[in-house]
Amino acid sequence: MKEAIEFALANNSSIKNAELDIDASRYKKKEITGMGLPQISSSFDVKDYEKLPTQLLPGEFFGAPPGTYIPVQFGVKYNATGSIQAARSF
């Protein structure tokens, strides 16, 4: 008789459903707690310009005859950028 009662309690659908509801509530609590935490994201980018971009400037800037253009390069060979963002919803 004792084994039958233990079997009935272990396999009772109402008890199993209640246990599943408890588990679902625990996960929902964790989800809501996570929503209150800051959301953090980051990025990092490195560029290697083997050949720097060339712009053409009017030659008059450098004393050359009008209508001529002089190629110049601006910038650096390596460029690195990074960012970190944190946001929190209220």
PDB file of N, CA and C in Angstrom:
ATOM      1  N   MET A   1       0.819  -1.190   0.000  1.00  0.00           N
ATOM      2  CA  MET A   1       0.000   0.000   0.000  1.00  0.00           C
ATOM      3  C   MET A   1       0.870   1.263   0.000  1.00  0.00           C
ATOM      4  N   LYS A   2       1.951   1.239   0.789  1.00  0.00           N
ATOM      5  CA  LYS A   2       2.837   2.399   0.870  1.00  0.00           C
ATOM      6  C   LYS A   2       3.452   2.692  -0.494  1.00  0.00           C
ATOM      7  N   GLU A   3       3.837   1.633  -1.211  1.00  0.00           N
ATOM      8  CA  GLU A   3       4.427   1.813  -2.540  1.00  0.00           C
ATOM      9  C   GLU A   3       3.413   2.398  -3.508  1.00  0.00           C
ATOM     10  N   ALA A   4       2.176   2.015  -3.397  1.00  0.00           N
ATOM     11  CA  ALA A   4       1.126   2.532  -4.277  1.00  0.00           C
ATOM     12  C   ALA A   4       0.910   4.019  -4.036  1.00  0.00           C
ATOM     13  N   ILE A   5       0.942   4.435  -2.781  1.00  0.00           N
ATOM     14  CA  ILE A   5       0.781   5.859  -2.454  1.00  0.00           C
ATOM     15  C   ILE A   5       1.970   6.654  -2.980  1.00  0.00           C
ATOM     16  N   GLU A   6       3.178   6.136  -2.792  1.00  0.00           N
ATOM     17  CA  GLU A   6       4.372   6.826  -3.299  1.00  0.00           C
ATOM     18  C   GLU A   6       4.333   6.935  -4.822  1.00  0.00           C
ATOM     19  N   PHE A   7       3.904   5.872  -5.490  1.00  0.00           N
ATOM     20  CA  PHE A   7       3.796   5.888  -6.950  1.00  0.00           C
ATOM     21  C   PHE A   7       2.764   6.921  -7.402  1.00  0.00           C
ATOM     22  N   ALA A   8       1.629   6.954  -6.709  1.00  0.00           N
ATOM     23  CA  ALA A   8       0.567   7.905  -7.062  1.00  0.00           C
ATOM     24  C   ALA A   8       1.042   9.344  -6.874  1.00  0.00           C
ATOM     25  N   LEU A   9       1.752   9.610  -5.783  1.00  0.00           N
ATOM     26  CA  LEU A   9       2.258  10.966  -5.540  1.00  0.00           C
ATOM     27  C   LEU A   9       3.322  11.352  -6.562  1.00  0.00           C
ATOM     28  N   ALA A  10       4.176  10.408  -6.924  1.00  0.00           N
ATOM     29  CA  ALA A  10       5.258  10.698  -7.866  1.00  0.00           C
ATOM     30  C   ALA A  10       4.734  10.917  -9.277  1.00  0.00           C
ATOM     31  N   ASN A  11       3.602  10.299  -9.623  1.00  0.00           N
ATOM     32  CA  ASN A  11       3.087  10.374 -10.988  1.00  0.00           C
ATOM     33  C   ASN A  11       1.784  11.161 -11.105  1.00  0.00           C
ATOM     34  N   ASN A  12       1.409  11.878 -10.079  1.00  0.00           N
ATOM     35  CA  ASN A  12       0.190  12.677 -10.103  1.00  0.00           C
ATOM     36  C   ASN A  12       0.386  13.861 -11.047  1.00  0.00           C
ATOM     37  N   SER A  13      -0.512  14.005 -12.023  1.00  0.00           N
ATOM     38  CA  SER A  13      -0.358  15.074 -13.019  1.00  0.00           C
ATOM     39  C   SER A  13      -0.498  16.462 -12.397  1.00  0.00           C
ATOM     40  N   SER A  14      -1.315  16.606 -11.380  1.00  0.00           N
ATOM     41  CA  SER A  14      -1.458  17.909 -10.720  1.00  0.00           C
ATOM     42  C   SER A  14      -0.157  18.319 -10.042  1.00  0.00           C
ATOM     43  N   ILE A  15       0.493  17.373  -9.406  1.00  0.00           N
ATOM     44  CA  ILE A  15       1.762  17.663  -8.738  1.00  0.00           C
ATOM     45  C   ILE A  15       2.835  17.987  -9.772  1.00  0.00           C
ATOM     46  N   LYS A  16       2.876  17.217 -10.856  1.00  0.00           N
ATOM     47  CA  LYS A  16       3.865  17.491 -11.905  1.00  0.00           C
ATOM     48  C   LYS A  16       3.639  18.866 -12.523  1.00  0.00           C
ATOM     49  N   ASN A  17       2.371  19.219 -12.764  1.00  0.00           N
ATOM     50  CA  ASN A  17       2.071  20.541 -13.315  1.00  0.00           C
ATOM     51  C   ASN A  17       2.471  21.651 -12.345  1.00  0.00           C
ATOM     52  N   ALA A  18       2.241  21.437 -11.067  1.00  0.00           N
ATOM     53  CA  ALA A  18       2.627  22.434 -10.069  1.00  0.00           C
ATOM     54  C   ALA A  18       4.148  22.600 -10.038  1.00  0.00           C
ATOM     55  N   GLU A  19       4.882  21.496 -10.141  1.00  0.00           N
ATOM     56  CA  GLU A  19       6.346  21.581 -10.168  1.00  0.00           C
ATOM     57  C   GLU A  19       6.825  22.331 -11.413  1.00  0.00           C
ATOM     58  N   LEU A  20       6.185  22.081 -12.553  1.00  0.00           N
ATOM     59  CA  LEU A  20       6.539  22.801 -13.780  1.00  0.00           C
ATOM     60  C   LEU A  20       6.232  24.294 -13.651  1.00  0.00           C
ATOM     61  N   ASP A  21       5.121  24.623 -12.990  1.00  0.00           N
ATOM     62  CA  ASP A  21       4.785  26.031 -12.766  1.00  0.00           C
ATOM     63  C   ASP A  21       5.825  26.711 -11.877  1.00  0.00           C
ATOM     64  N   ILE A  22       6.298  25.993 -10.875  1.00  0.00           N
ATOM     65  CA  ILE A  22       7.336  26.544  -9.993  1.00  0.00           C
ATOM     66  C   ILE A  22       8.612  26.800 -10.788  1.00  0.00           C
ATOM     67  N   ASP A  23       9.004  25.843 -11.623  1.00  0.00           N
ATOM     68  CA  ASP A  23      10.201  26.027 -12.458  1.00  0.00           C
ATOM     69  C   ASP A  23      10.028  27.210 -13.405  1.00  0.00           C
ATOM     70  N   ALA A  24       8.857  27.321 -14.019  1.00  0.00           N
ATOM     71  CA  ALA A  24       8.599  28.435 -14.939  1.00  0.00           C
ATOM     72  C   ALA A  24       8.682  29.765 -14.204  1.00  0.00           C
ATOM     73  N   SER A  25       8.187  29.808 -12.982  1.00  0.00           N
ATOM     74  CA  SER A  25       8.252  31.040 -12.187  1.00  0.00           C
ATOM     75  C   SER A  25       9.695  31.411 -11.869  1.00  0.00           C
ATOM     76  N   ARG A  26      10.512  30.422 -11.566  1.00  0.00           N
ATOM     77  CA  ARG A  26      11.934  30.701 -11.290  1.00  0.00           C
ATOM     78  C   ARG A  26      12.620  31.292 -12.519  1.00  0.00           C
ATOM     79  N   TYR A  27      12.349  30.713 -13.700  1.00  0.00           N
ATOM     80  CA  TYR A  27      12.965  31.225 -14.926  1.00  0.00           C
ATOM     81  C   TYR A  27      12.445  32.619 -15.267  1.00  0.00           C
ATOM     82  N   LYS A  28      11.166  32.860 -15.022  1.00  0.00           N
ATOM     83  CA  LYS A  28      10.593  34.183 -15.283  1.00  0.00           C
ATOM     84  C   LYS A  28      11.239  35.217 -14.362  1.00  0.00           C
ATOM     85  N   LYS A  29      11.494  34.841 -13.114  1.00  0.00           N
ATOM     86  CA  LYS A  29      12.148  35.751 -12.166  1.00  0.00           C
ATOM     87  C   LYS A  29      13.547  36.098 -12.661  1.00  0.00           C
ATOM     88  N   LYS A  30      14.288  35.098 -13.147  1.00  0.00           N
ATOM     89  CA  LYS A  30      15.629  35.351 -13.678  1.00  0.00           C
ATOM     90  C   LYS A  30      15.563  36.247 -14.910  1.00  0.00           C
ATOM     91  N   GLU A  31      14.560  36.030 -15.750  1.00  0.00           N
ATOM     92  CA  GLU A  31      14.401  36.849 -16.955  1.00  0.00           C
ATOM     93  C   GLU A  31      14.146  38.310 -16.585  1.00  0.00           C
ATOM     94  N   ILE A  32      13.260  38.534 -15.626  1.00  0.00           N
ATOM     95  CA  ILE A  32      12.939  39.900 -15.212  1.00  0.00           C
ATOM     96  C   ILE A  32      14.140  40.547 -14.533  1.00  0.00           C
ATOM     97  N   THR A  33      14.872  39.787 -13.736  1.00  0.00           N
ATOM     98  CA  THR A  33      16.087  40.319 -13.114  1.00  0.00           C
ATOM     99  C   THR A  33      17.092  40.721 -14.180  1.00  0.00           C
ATOM    100  N   GLY A  34      17.249  39.904 -15.205  1.00  0.00           N
ATOM    101  CA  GLY A  34      18.174  40.212 -16.292  1.00  0.00           C
ATOM    102  C   GLY A  34      17.774  41.453 -17.063  1.00  0.00           C
ATOM    103  N   MET A  35      16.470  41.707 -17.184  1.00  0.00           N
ATOM    104  CA  MET A  35      16.017  42.898 -17.898  1.00  0.00           C
ATOM    105  C   MET A  35      16.419  44.166 -17.153  1.00  0.00           C
ATOM    106  N   GLY A  36      16.567  44.083 -15.834  1.00  0.00           N
ATOM    107  CA  GLY A  36      16.943  45.252 -15.048  1.00  0.00           C
ATOM    108  C   GLY A  36      18.434  45.525 -15.047  1.00  0.00           C
ATOM    109  N   LEU A  37      19.219  44.574 -15.493  1.00  0.00           N
ATOM    110  CA  LEU A  37      20.672  44.760 -15.525  1.00  0.00           C
ATOM    111  C   LEU A  37      21.070  45.552 -16.761  1.00  0.00           C
ATOM    112  N   PRO A  38      22.193  46.253 -16.696  1.00  0.00           N
ATOM    113  CA  PRO A  38      22.633  46.990 -17.881  1.00  0.00           C
ATOM    114  C   PRO A  38      23.006  46.039 -19.015  1.00  0.00           C
ATOM    115  N   GLN A  39      22.698  46.460 -20.225  1.00  0.00           N
ATOM    116  CA  GLN A  39      23.077  45.708 -21.415  1.00  0.00           C
ATOM    117  C   GLN A  39      24.383  46.302 -21.920  1.00  0.00           C
ATOM    118  N   ILE A  40      25.406  45.493 -22.049  1.00  0.00           N
ATOM    119  CA  ILE A  40      26.734  45.974 -22.423  1.00  0.00           C
ATOM    120  C   ILE A  40      27.124  45.384 -23.769  1.00  0.00           C
ATOM    121  N   SER A  41      27.644  46.254 -24.633  1.00  0.00           N
ATOM    122  CA  SER A  41      28.154  45.787 -25.919  1.00  0.00           C
ATOM    123  C   SER A  41      29.462  46.505 -26.208  1.00  0.00           C
ATOM    124  N   SER A  42      30.303  45.864 -26.997  1.00  0.00           N
ATOM    125  CA  SER A  42      31.586  46.473 -27.336  1.00  0.00           C
ATOM    126  C   SER A  42      31.951  46.115 -28.771  1.00  0.00           C
ATOM    127  N   SER A  43      32.826  46.933 -29.326  1.00  0.00           N
ATOM    128  CA  SER A  43      33.329  46.646 -30.664  1.00  0.00           C
ATOM    129  C   SER A  43      34.751  47.176 -30.776  1.00  0.00           C
ATOM    130  N   PHE A  44      35.503  46.577 -31.670  1.00  0.00           N
ATOM    131  CA  PHE A  44      36.884  46.981 -31.901  1.00  0.00           C
ATOM    132  C   PHE A  44      37.178  46.767 -33.371  1.00  0.00           C
ATOM    133  N   ASP A  45      37.838  47.736 -33.986  1.00  0.00           N
ATOM    134  CA  ASP A  45      38.098  47.668 -35.417  1.00  0.00           C
ATOM    135  C   ASP A  45      39.519  48.142 -35.681  1.00  0.00           C
ATOM    136  N   VAL A  46      40.251  47.392 -36.480  1.00  0.00           N
ATOM    137  CA  VAL A  46      41.615  47.765 -36.864  1.00  0.00           C
ATOM    138  C   VAL A  46      41.688  47.779 -38.383  1.00  0.00           C
ATOM    139  N   LYS A  47      42.241  48.845 -38.916  1.00  0.00           N
ATOM    140  CA  LYS A  47      42.423  48.948 -40.364  1.00  0.00           C
ATOM    141  C   LYS A  47      43.906  49.132 -40.659  1.00  0.00           C
ATOM    142  N   ASP A  48      44.367  48.427 -41.663  1.00  0.00           N
ATOM    143  CA  ASP A  48      45.746  48.541 -42.136  1.00  0.00           C
ATOM    144  C   ASP A  48      45.676  49.041 -43.573  1.00  0.00           C
ATOM    145  N   TYR A  49      46.037  50.298 -43.760  1.00  0.00           N
ATOM    146  CA  TYR A  49      46.039  50.869 -45.105  1.00  0.00           C
ATOM    147  C   TYR A  49      47.399  50.604 -45.733  1.00  0.00           C
ATOM    148  N   GLU A  50      47.474  49.565 -46.541  1.00  0.00           N
ATOM    149  CA  GLU A  50      48.740  49.280 -47.220  1.00  0.00           C
ATOM    150  C   GLU A  50      49.130  50.442 -48.113  1.00  0.00           C
ATOM    151  N   LYS A  51      48.131  51.017 -48.741  1.00  0.00           N
ATOM    152  CA  LYS A  51      48.365  52.194 -49.571  1.00  0.00           C
ATOM    153  C   LYS A  51      47.374  53.255 -49.113  1.00  0.00           C
ATOM    154  N   LEU A  52      47.887  54.356 -48.594  1.00  0.00           N
ATOM    155  CA  LEU A  52      47.014  55.414 -48.099  1.00  0.00           C
ATOM    156  C   LEU A  52      46.214  56.015 -49.249  1.00  0.00           C
ATOM    157  N   PRO A  53      44.971  56.400 -48.987  1.00  0.00           N
ATOM    158  CA  PRO A  53      44.175  57.052 -50.026  1.00  0.00           C
ATOM    159  C   PRO A  53      44.841  58.355 -50.481  1.00  0.00           C
ATOM    160  N   THR A  54      44.741  58.640 -51.752  1.00  0.00           N
ATOM    161  CA  THR A  54      45.360  59.839 -52.329  1.00  0.00           C
ATOM    162  C   THR A  54      44.273  60.811 -52.763  1.00  0.00           C
ATOM    163  N   GLN A  55      44.439  62.074 -52.374  1.00  0.00           N
ATOM    164  CA  GLN A  55      43.547  63.131 -52.814  1.00  0.00           C
ATOM    165  C   GLN A  55      44.326  64.079 -53.718  1.00  0.00           C
ATOM    166  N   LEU A  56      43.616  64.701 -54.627  1.00  0.00           N
ATOM    167  CA  LEU A  56      44.236  65.682 -55.516  1.00  0.00           C
ATOM    168  C   LEU A  56      43.852  67.077 -55.044  1.00  0.00           C
ATOM    169  N   LEU A  57      44.876  67.891 -54.773  1.00  0.00           N
ATOM    170  CA  LEU A  57      44.647  69.274 -54.363  1.00  0.00           C
ATOM    171  C   LEU A  57      45.065  70.202 -55.495  1.00  0.00           C
ATOM    172  N   PRO A  58      44.363  71.329 -55.624  1.00  0.00           N
ATOM    173  CA  PRO A  58      44.754  72.284 -56.669  1.00  0.00           C
ATOM    174  C   PRO A  58      46.210  72.721 -56.492  1.00  0.00           C
ATOM    175  N   GLY A  59      46.938  72.745 -57.596  1.00  0.00           N
ATOM    176  CA  GLY A  59      48.351  73.105 -57.563  1.00  0.00           C
ATOM    177  C   GLY A  59      48.604  74.520 -57.102  1.00  0.00           C
ATOM    178  N   GLU A  60      47.592  75.423 -57.222  1.00  0.00           N
ATOM    179  CA  GLU A  60      47.772  76.808 -56.790  1.00  0.00           C
ATOM    180  C   GLU A  60      48.116  76.902 -55.306  1.00  0.00           C
ATOM    181  N   PHE A  61      47.682  75.916 -54.515  1.00  0.00           N
ATOM    182  CA  PHE A  61      47.995  75.929 -53.084  1.00  0.00           C
ATOM    183  C   PHE A  61      49.497  75.825 -52.841  1.00  0.00           C
ATOM    184  N   PHE A  62      50.205  75.219 -53.778  1.00  0.00           N
ATOM    185  CA  PHE A  62      51.632  74.962 -53.602  1.00  0.00           C
ATOM    186  C   PHE A  62      52.486  75.753 -54.591  1.00  0.00           C
ATOM    187  N   GLY A  63      51.894  76.746 -55.246  1.00  0.00           N
ATOM    188  CA  GLY A  63      52.645  77.575 -56.180  1.00  0.00           C
ATOM    189  C   GLY A  63      52.764  76.989 -57.574  1.00  0.00           C
ATOM    190  N   ALA A  64      52.017  75.963 -57.888  1.00  0.00           N
ATOM    191  CA  ALA A  64      52.050  75.366 -59.227  1.00  0.00           C
ATOM    192  C   ALA A  64      51.122  76.161 -60.148  1.00  0.00           C
ATOM    193  N   PRO A  65      51.259  75.992 -61.441  1.00  0.00           N
ATOM    194  CA  PRO A  65      50.398  76.724 -62.371  1.00  0.00           C
ATOM    195  C   PRO A  65      48.925  76.348 -62.189  1.00  0.00           C
ATOM    196  N   PRO A  66      48.006  77.284 -62.484  1.00  0.00           N
ATOM    197  CA  PRO A  66      46.575  76.987 -62.375  1.00  0.00           C
ATOM    198  C   PRO A  66      46.186  75.820 -63.287  1.00  0.00           C
ATOM    199  N   GLY A  67      45.213  75.034 -62.813  1.00  0.00           N
ATOM    200  CA  GLY A  67      44.734  73.892 -63.584  1.00  0.00           C
ATOM    201  C   GLY A  67      45.504  72.611 -63.329  1.00  0.00           C
ATOM    202  N   THR A  68      46.530  72.658 -62.501  1.00  0.00           N
ATOM    203  CA  THR A  68      47.274  71.436 -62.174  1.00  0.00           C
ATOM    204  C   THR A  68      46.838  70.939 -60.794  1.00  0.00           C
ATOM    205  N   TYR A  69      47.020  69.668 -60.598  1.00  0.00           N
ATOM    206  CA  TYR A  69      46.659  69.064 -59.314  1.00  0.00           C
ATOM    207  C   TYR A  69      47.848  68.287 -58.780  1.00  0.00           C
ATOM    208  N   ILE A  70      47.999  68.341 -57.472  1.00  0.00           N
ATOM    209  CA  ILE A  70      49.113  67.655 -56.823  1.00  0.00           C
ATOM    210  C   ILE A  70      48.527  66.551 -55.935  1.00  0.00           C
ATOM    211  N   PRO A  71      48.992  65.310 -56.116  1.00  0.00           N
ATOM    212  CA  PRO A  71      48.489  64.220 -55.266  1.00  0.00           C
ATOM    213  C   PRO A  71      49.107  64.298 -53.868  1.00  0.00           C
ATOM    214  N   VAL A  72      48.262  64.202 -52.857  1.00  0.00           N
ATOM    215  CA  VAL A  72      48.728  64.190 -51.463  1.00  0.00           C
ATOM    216  C   VAL A  72      48.019  63.052 -50.733  1.00  0.00           C
ATOM    217  N   GLN A  73      48.680  62.557 -49.700  1.00  0.00           N
ATOM    218  CA  GLN A  73      48.109  61.488 -48.885  1.00  0.00           C
ATOM    219  C   GLN A  73      47.964  61.985 -47.454  1.00  0.00           C
ATOM    220  N   PHE A  74      46.785  61.793 -46.895  1.00  0.00           N
ATOM    221  CA  PHE A  74      46.509  62.152 -45.508  1.00  0.00           C
ATOM    222  C   PHE A  74      46.209  60.871 -44.740  1.00  0.00           C
ATOM    223  N   GLY A  75      46.563  60.843 -43.495  1.00  0.00           N
ATOM    224  CA  GLY A  75      46.209  59.701 -42.666  1.00  0.00           C
ATOM    225  C   GLY A  75      47.424  58.970 -42.144  1.00  0.00           C
ATOM    226  N   VAL A  76      47.149  57.847 -41.534  1.00  0.00           N
ATOM    227  CA  VAL A  76      48.190  57.001 -40.953  1.00  0.00           C
ATOM    228  C   VAL A  76      48.023  55.584 -41.501  1.00  0.00           C
ATOM    229  N   LYS A  77      49.089  54.825 -41.460  1.00  0.00           N
ATOM    230  CA  LYS A  77      49.048  53.470 -42.012  1.00  0.00           C
ATOM    231  C   LYS A  77      48.087  52.571 -41.226  1.00  0.00           C
ATOM    232  N   TYR A  78      48.112  52.686 -39.915  1.00  0.00           N
ATOM    233  CA  TYR A  78      47.248  51.849 -39.073  1.00  0.00           C
ATOM    234  C   TYR A  78      46.231  52.732 -38.358  1.00  0.00           C
ATOM    235  N   ASN A  79      45.020  52.227 -38.265  1.00  0.00           N
ATOM    236  CA  ASN A  79      43.965  52.959 -37.583  1.00  0.00           C
ATOM    237  C   ASN A  79      43.173  51.956 -36.746  1.00  0.00           C
ATOM    238  N   ALA A  80      42.991  52.270 -35.478  1.00  0.00           N
ATOM    239  CA  ALA A  80      42.233  51.385 -34.590  1.00  0.00           C
ATOM    240  C   ALA A  80      41.171  52.202 -33.868  1.00  0.00           C
ATOM    241  N   THR A  81      39.987  51.658 -33.795  1.00  0.00           N
ATOM    242  CA  THR A  81      38.907  52.298 -33.051  1.00  0.00           C
ATOM    243  C   THR A  81      38.229  51.245 -32.179  1.00  0.00           C
ATOM    244  N   GLY A  82      37.739  51.686 -31.060  1.00  0.00           N
ATOM    245  CA  GLY A  82      37.029  50.787 -30.165  1.00  0.00           C
ATOM    246  C   GLY A  82      35.936  51.538 -29.438  1.00  0.00           C
ATOM    247  N   SER A  83      34.935  50.809 -29.012  1.00  0.00           N
ATOM    248  CA  SER A  83      33.859  51.439 -28.253  1.00  0.00           C
ATOM    249  C   SER A  83      33.242  50.421 -27.299  1.00  0.00           C
ATOM    250  N   ILE A  84      32.743  50.953 -26.205  1.00  0.00           N
ATOM    251  CA  ILE A  84      32.001  50.158 -25.231  1.00  0.00           C
ATOM    252  C   ILE A  84      30.737  50.941 -24.912  1.00  0.00           C
ATOM    253  N   GLN A  85      29.610  50.266 -24.940  1.00  0.00           N
ATOM    254  CA  GLN A  85      28.341  50.916 -24.639  1.00  0.00           C
ATOM    255  C   GLN A  85      27.626  50.140 -23.548  1.00  0.00           C
ATOM    256  N   ALA A  86      27.029  50.879 -22.650  1.00  0.00           N
ATOM    257  CA  ALA A  86      26.207  50.272 -21.612  1.00  0.00           C
ATOM    258  C   ALA A  86      24.878  51.018 -21.592  1.00  0.00           C
ATOM    259  N   ALA A  87      23.795  50.281 -21.565  1.00  0.00           N
ATOM    260  CA  ALA A  87      22.466  50.886 -21.544  1.00  0.00           C
ATOM    261  C   ALA A  87      21.607  50.153 -20.525  1.00  0.00           C
ATOM    262  N   ARG A  88      20.737  50.911 -19.903  1.00  0.00           N
ATOM    263  CA  ARG A  88      19.833  50.311 -18.934  1.00  0.00           C
ATOM    264  C   ARG A  88      18.440  50.856 -19.174  1.00  0.00           C
ATOM    265  N   SER A  89      17.482  49.992 -19.257  1.00  0.00           N
ATOM    266  CA  SER A  89      16.095  50.405 -19.459  1.00  0.00           C
ATOM    267  C   SER A  89      15.448  50.684 -18.114  1.00  0.00           C
ATOM    268  N   PHE A  90      14.664  51.724 -18.098  1.00  0.00           N
ATOM    269  CA  PHE A  90      13.931  52.058 -16.871  1.00  0.00           C
ATOM    270  C   PHE A  90      12.457  51.918 -17.105  1.00  0.00           C
TER     271      PHE A  90
END
